[in-house]
Amino acid sequence: MEELCYGWKNSDHYFLWVVRASEEEKFPPSFDPSDEKGLVVSWCPQLEVLNHESVGCFVTHCGWNSMLEALSLGVPMVAMPQWTDQGTNAKYI
């Protein structure tokens, strides 16, 4: 989680990051999720977000539905599989 926090903050890109409220405690103390370059939320309407013209890339855990939505909309993906079928799904994209 720490590497992701600093990666997003140090990139030259705006970002929307969906993080479960139960996972926010893993943020490093120096990470400020209210920065003007990024938005950290506990939920978002994923299909609407992926369909927005400003989306350039989707970092995904490679769940089946997430992959299908991104593929159907032609959104480039960065795969970060976590468990079960996600590793196999990641190999296909």
N, C-alpha and C. Protein backbone atom coordinates (compact mmCIF):
# COMPACT_ATOMS: atom_id res chain seq x y z
N MET A 1 0.84 -1.19 0.00
CA MET A 1 0.00 0.00 0.00
C MET A 1 0.88 1.25 0.00
N GLU A 2 1.96 1.21 0.77
CA GLU A 2 2.83 2.38 0.85
C GLU A 2 3.41 2.75 -0.51
N GLU A 3 3.86 1.73 -1.26
CA GLU A 3 4.43 2.00 -2.58
C GLU A 3 3.40 2.61 -3.52
N LEU A 4 2.16 2.11 -3.45
CA LEU A 4 1.11 2.68 -4.29
C LEU A 4 0.83 4.13 -3.92
N CYS A 5 0.79 4.41 -2.63
CA CYS A 5 0.54 5.79 -2.18
C CYS A 5 1.57 6.75 -2.76
N TYR A 6 2.83 6.41 -2.61
CA TYR A 6 3.87 7.30 -3.10
C TYR A 6 3.96 7.31 -4.62
N GLY A 7 3.64 6.17 -5.25
CA GLY A 7 3.63 6.13 -6.70
C GLY A 7 2.59 7.07 -7.29
N TRP A 8 1.38 7.05 -6.72
CA TRP A 8 0.33 7.96 -7.20
C TRP A 8 0.73 9.40 -6.95
N LYS A 9 1.21 9.69 -5.76
CA LYS A 9 1.55 11.07 -5.40
C LYS A 9 2.70 11.63 -6.23
N ASN A 10 3.66 10.78 -6.57
CA ASN A 10 4.84 11.24 -7.29
C ASN A 10 4.69 11.19 -8.81
N SER A 11 3.56 10.68 -9.28
CA SER A 11 3.35 10.64 -10.73
C SER A 11 2.93 12.03 -11.21
N ASP A 12 2.99 12.22 -12.49
CA ASP A 12 2.56 13.49 -13.08
C ASP A 12 1.12 13.42 -13.57
N HIS A 13 0.33 12.52 -12.98
CA HIS A 13 -1.02 12.29 -13.46
C HIS A 13 -2.04 12.46 -12.34
N TYR A 14 -3.22 12.92 -12.73
CA TYR A 14 -4.34 12.96 -11.79
C TYR A 14 -4.85 11.54 -11.63
N PHE A 15 -5.44 11.25 -10.48
CA PHE A 15 -5.92 9.88 -10.27
C PHE A 15 -7.17 9.84 -9.40
N LEU A 16 -7.93 8.79 -9.61
CA LEU A 16 -9.06 8.43 -8.76
C LEU A 16 -8.71 7.05 -8.23
N TRP A 17 -8.67 6.91 -6.92
CA TRP A 17 -8.27 5.64 -6.31
C TRP A 17 -9.38 5.19 -5.37
N VAL A 18 -9.93 4.02 -5.65
CA VAL A 18 -10.99 3.46 -4.80
C VAL A 18 -10.32 2.54 -3.79
N VAL A 19 -10.45 2.91 -2.51
CA VAL A 19 -9.86 2.14 -1.41
C VAL A 19 -10.94 1.91 -0.36
N ARG A 20 -11.14 0.67 0.01
CA ARG A 20 -12.12 0.38 1.06
C ARG A 20 -11.75 1.12 2.33
N ALA A 21 -12.76 1.57 3.05
CA ALA A 21 -12.52 2.31 4.29
C ALA A 21 -11.69 1.49 5.26
N SER A 22 -11.88 0.18 5.27
CA SER A 22 -11.13 -0.69 6.18
C SER A 22 -9.65 -0.77 5.82
N GLU A 23 -9.28 -0.38 4.62
CA GLU A 23 -7.89 -0.43 4.17
C GLU A 23 -7.16 0.89 4.34
N GLU A 24 -7.89 1.97 4.61
CA GLU A 24 -7.26 3.28 4.71
C GLU A 24 -6.27 3.37 5.87
N GLU A 25 -6.42 2.52 6.86
CA GLU A 25 -5.47 2.53 7.98
C GLU A 25 -4.07 2.11 7.55
N LYS A 26 -3.96 1.52 6.37
CA LYS A 26 -2.65 1.09 5.85
C LYS A 26 -1.90 2.22 5.15
N PHE A 27 -2.54 3.38 4.98
CA PHE A 27 -1.85 4.52 4.39
C PHE A 27 -0.70 4.93 5.30
N PRO A 28 0.46 5.28 4.72
CA PRO A 28 1.55 5.78 5.56
C PRO A 28 1.15 7.12 6.19
N PRO A 29 1.71 7.45 7.34
CA PRO A 29 1.33 8.68 8.05
C PRO A 29 1.50 9.96 7.22
N SER A 30 2.47 9.97 6.33
CA SER A 30 2.72 11.19 5.55
C SER A 30 1.84 11.30 4.30
N PHE A 31 1.02 10.30 4.03
CA PHE A 31 0.16 10.31 2.84
C PHE A 31 -1.10 11.12 3.11
N ASP A 32 -1.35 12.12 2.27
CA ASP A 32 -2.53 12.96 2.40
C ASP A 32 -3.50 12.64 1.26
N PRO A 33 -4.57 11.89 1.53
CA PRO A 33 -5.49 11.50 0.46
C PRO A 33 -6.33 12.65 -0.08
N SER A 34 -6.21 13.83 0.49
CA SER A 34 -7.02 14.96 0.02
C SER A 34 -6.23 15.91 -0.88
N ASP A 35 -5.13 15.45 -1.43
CA ASP A 35 -4.31 16.24 -2.34
C ASP A 35 -5.12 16.66 -3.56
N GLU A 36 -4.78 17.81 -4.16
CA GLU A 36 -5.53 18.31 -5.31
C GLU A 36 -5.28 17.48 -6.58
N LYS A 37 -4.25 16.66 -6.58
CA LYS A 37 -3.94 15.86 -7.76
C LYS A 37 -4.69 14.53 -7.77
N GLY A 38 -5.15 14.10 -6.60
CA GLY A 38 -5.81 12.81 -6.53
C GLY A 38 -7.07 12.84 -5.71
N LEU A 39 -7.88 11.82 -5.92
CA LEU A 39 -9.11 11.67 -5.17
C LEU A 39 -9.18 10.23 -4.68
N VAL A 40 -9.26 10.04 -3.37
CA VAL A 40 -9.37 8.71 -2.78
C VAL A 40 -10.79 8.58 -2.24
N VAL A 41 -11.51 7.56 -2.70
CA VAL A 41 -12.89 7.34 -2.29
C VAL A 41 -13.07 5.88 -1.89
N SER A 42 -14.13 5.59 -1.15
CA SER A 42 -14.38 4.20 -0.74
C SER A 42 -15.24 3.45 -1.76
N TRP A 43 -15.87 4.17 -2.68
CA TRP A 43 -16.69 3.55 -3.72
C TRP A 43 -16.88 4.54 -4.87
N CYS A 44 -17.07 4.01 -6.07
CA CYS A 44 -17.43 4.86 -7.21
C CYS A 44 -18.22 4.02 -8.20
N PRO A 45 -18.99 4.67 -9.08
CA PRO A 45 -19.70 3.94 -10.13
C PRO A 45 -18.70 3.57 -11.23
N GLN A 46 -18.09 2.40 -11.11
CA GLN A 46 -16.95 2.03 -11.95
C GLN A 46 -17.23 2.14 -13.44
N LEU A 47 -18.35 1.65 -13.90
CA LEU A 47 -18.63 1.69 -15.33
C LEU A 47 -18.72 3.13 -15.84
N GLU A 48 -19.33 4.01 -15.07
CA GLU A 48 -19.41 5.42 -15.46
C GLU A 48 -18.03 6.06 -15.50
N VAL A 49 -17.20 5.72 -14.52
CA VAL A 49 -15.84 6.28 -14.48
C VAL A 49 -15.03 5.78 -15.67
N LEU A 50 -15.06 4.47 -15.91
CA LEU A 50 -14.30 3.91 -17.03
C LEU A 50 -14.76 4.46 -18.37
N ASN A 51 -15.99 4.85 -18.46
CA ASN A 51 -16.53 5.38 -19.71
C ASN A 51 -16.23 6.87 -19.90
N HIS A 52 -15.62 7.50 -18.91
CA HIS A 52 -15.32 8.94 -19.00
C HIS A 52 -14.12 9.17 -19.92
N GLU A 53 -14.19 10.22 -20.71
CA GLU A 53 -13.14 10.50 -21.70
C GLU A 53 -11.78 10.81 -21.09
N SER A 54 -11.73 11.19 -19.83
CA SER A 54 -10.44 11.56 -19.22
C SER A 54 -9.67 10.36 -18.69
N VAL A 55 -10.28 9.18 -18.67
CA VAL A 55 -9.59 7.98 -18.16
C VAL A 55 -8.57 7.52 -19.18
N GLY A 56 -7.31 7.44 -18.73
CA GLY A 56 -6.24 7.00 -19.62
C GLY A 56 -5.76 5.60 -19.33
N CYS A 57 -6.03 5.12 -18.11
CA CYS A 57 -5.55 3.80 -17.71
C CYS A 57 -6.33 3.34 -16.49
N PHE A 58 -6.48 2.05 -16.34
CA PHE A 58 -7.21 1.45 -15.23
C PHE A 58 -6.29 0.45 -14.54
N VAL A 59 -5.91 0.72 -13.30
CA VAL A 59 -5.12 -0.23 -12.51
C VAL A 59 -6.13 -1.13 -11.81
N THR A 60 -6.10 -2.41 -12.14
CA THR A 60 -7.15 -3.33 -11.71
C THR A 60 -6.61 -4.58 -11.03
N HIS A 61 -7.41 -5.13 -10.13
CA HIS A 61 -7.08 -6.40 -9.49
C HIS A 61 -7.42 -7.58 -10.40
N CYS A 62 -8.02 -7.30 -11.53
CA CYS A 62 -8.36 -8.29 -12.56
C CYS A 62 -9.52 -9.20 -12.18
N GLY A 63 -10.47 -8.66 -11.43
CA GLY A 63 -11.71 -9.39 -11.23
C GLY A 63 -12.44 -9.47 -12.56
N TRP A 64 -13.22 -10.51 -12.74
CA TRP A 64 -13.86 -10.75 -14.02
C TRP A 64 -14.69 -9.56 -14.51
N ASN A 65 -15.57 -9.04 -13.66
CA ASN A 65 -16.42 -7.92 -14.08
C ASN A 65 -15.61 -6.67 -14.42
N SER A 66 -14.61 -6.37 -13.61
CA SER A 66 -13.77 -5.20 -13.88
C SER A 66 -13.08 -5.32 -15.23
N MET A 67 -12.56 -6.52 -15.50
CA MET A 67 -11.89 -6.73 -16.78
C MET A 67 -12.85 -6.59 -17.95
N LEU A 68 -14.03 -7.19 -17.83
CA LEU A 68 -15.00 -7.10 -18.93
C LEU A 68 -15.42 -5.67 -19.20
N GLU A 69 -15.64 -4.91 -18.13
CA GLU A 69 -16.03 -3.51 -18.30
C GLU A 69 -14.93 -2.72 -19.01
N ALA A 70 -13.70 -2.87 -18.55
CA ALA A 70 -12.59 -2.13 -19.16
C ALA A 70 -12.36 -2.57 -20.61
N LEU A 71 -12.40 -3.87 -20.86
CA LEU A 71 -12.21 -4.38 -22.22
C LEU A 71 -13.30 -3.87 -23.16
N SER A 72 -14.54 -3.91 -22.69
CA SER A 72 -15.65 -3.49 -23.56
C SER A 72 -15.58 -2.00 -23.89
N LEU A 73 -14.93 -1.22 -23.03
CA LEU A 73 -14.81 0.22 -23.27
C LEU A 73 -13.47 0.61 -23.89
N GLY A 74 -12.58 -0.37 -24.08
CA GLY A 74 -11.29 -0.10 -24.69
C GLY A 74 -10.32 0.66 -23.80
N VAL A 75 -10.45 0.48 -22.48
CA VAL A 75 -9.58 1.19 -21.54
C VAL A 75 -8.33 0.35 -21.29
N PRO A 76 -7.13 0.91 -21.48
CA PRO A 76 -5.90 0.17 -21.18
C PRO A 76 -5.85 -0.17 -19.69
N MET A 77 -5.26 -1.33 -19.37
CA MET A 77 -5.23 -1.80 -17.98
C MET A 77 -3.81 -2.13 -17.53
N VAL A 78 -3.57 -1.91 -16.24
CA VAL A 78 -2.38 -2.40 -15.56
C VAL A 78 -2.90 -3.44 -14.58
N ALA A 79 -2.40 -4.67 -14.70
CA ALA A 79 -2.91 -5.78 -13.90
C ALA A 79 -2.16 -5.91 -12.58
N MET A 80 -2.92 -5.99 -11.48
CA MET A 80 -2.36 -6.25 -10.16
C MET A 80 -3.21 -7.32 -9.47
N PRO A 81 -3.13 -8.57 -9.98
CA PRO A 81 -3.96 -9.63 -9.42
C PRO A 81 -3.60 -9.92 -7.97
N GLN A 82 -4.62 -10.30 -7.20
CA GLN A 82 -4.42 -10.55 -5.77
C GLN A 82 -4.62 -12.02 -5.40
N TRP A 83 -5.67 -12.67 -5.93
CA TRP A 83 -5.94 -14.04 -5.53
C TRP A 83 -6.90 -14.73 -6.50
N THR A 84 -7.16 -15.98 -6.28
CA THR A 84 -8.03 -16.89 -7.05
C THR A 84 -7.83 -16.75 -8.55
N ASP A 85 -8.88 -16.44 -9.30
CA ASP A 85 -8.81 -16.41 -10.76
C ASP A 85 -8.13 -15.17 -11.32
N GLN A 86 -7.79 -14.23 -10.48
CA GLN A 86 -7.27 -12.95 -10.97
C GLN A 86 -5.94 -13.09 -11.69
N GLY A 87 -5.08 -13.99 -11.23
CA GLY A 87 -3.80 -14.21 -11.91
C GLY A 87 -4.00 -14.73 -13.32
N THR A 88 -4.91 -15.68 -13.47
CA THR A 88 -5.23 -16.21 -14.80
C THR A 88 -5.84 -15.13 -15.67
N ASN A 89 -6.77 -14.38 -15.12
CA ASN A 89 -7.39 -13.28 -15.88
C ASN A 89 -6.34 -12.29 -16.35
N ALA A 90 -5.39 -11.97 -15.48
CA ALA A 90 -4.34 -11.00 -15.82
C ALA A 90 -3.51 -11.47 -17.00
N LYS A 91 -3.27 -12.77 -17.08
CA LYS A 91 -2.48 -13.31 -18.20
C LYS A 91 -3.19 -13.11 -19.53
N TYR A 92 -4.51 -13.11 -19.50
CA TYR A 92 -5.27 -12.95 -20.74
C TYR A 92 -5.31 -11.51 -21.22
N ILE A 93 -5.16 -10.56 -20.32
CA ILE A 93 -5.19 -9.17 -20.78
C ILE A 93 -3.78 -8.69 -21.03
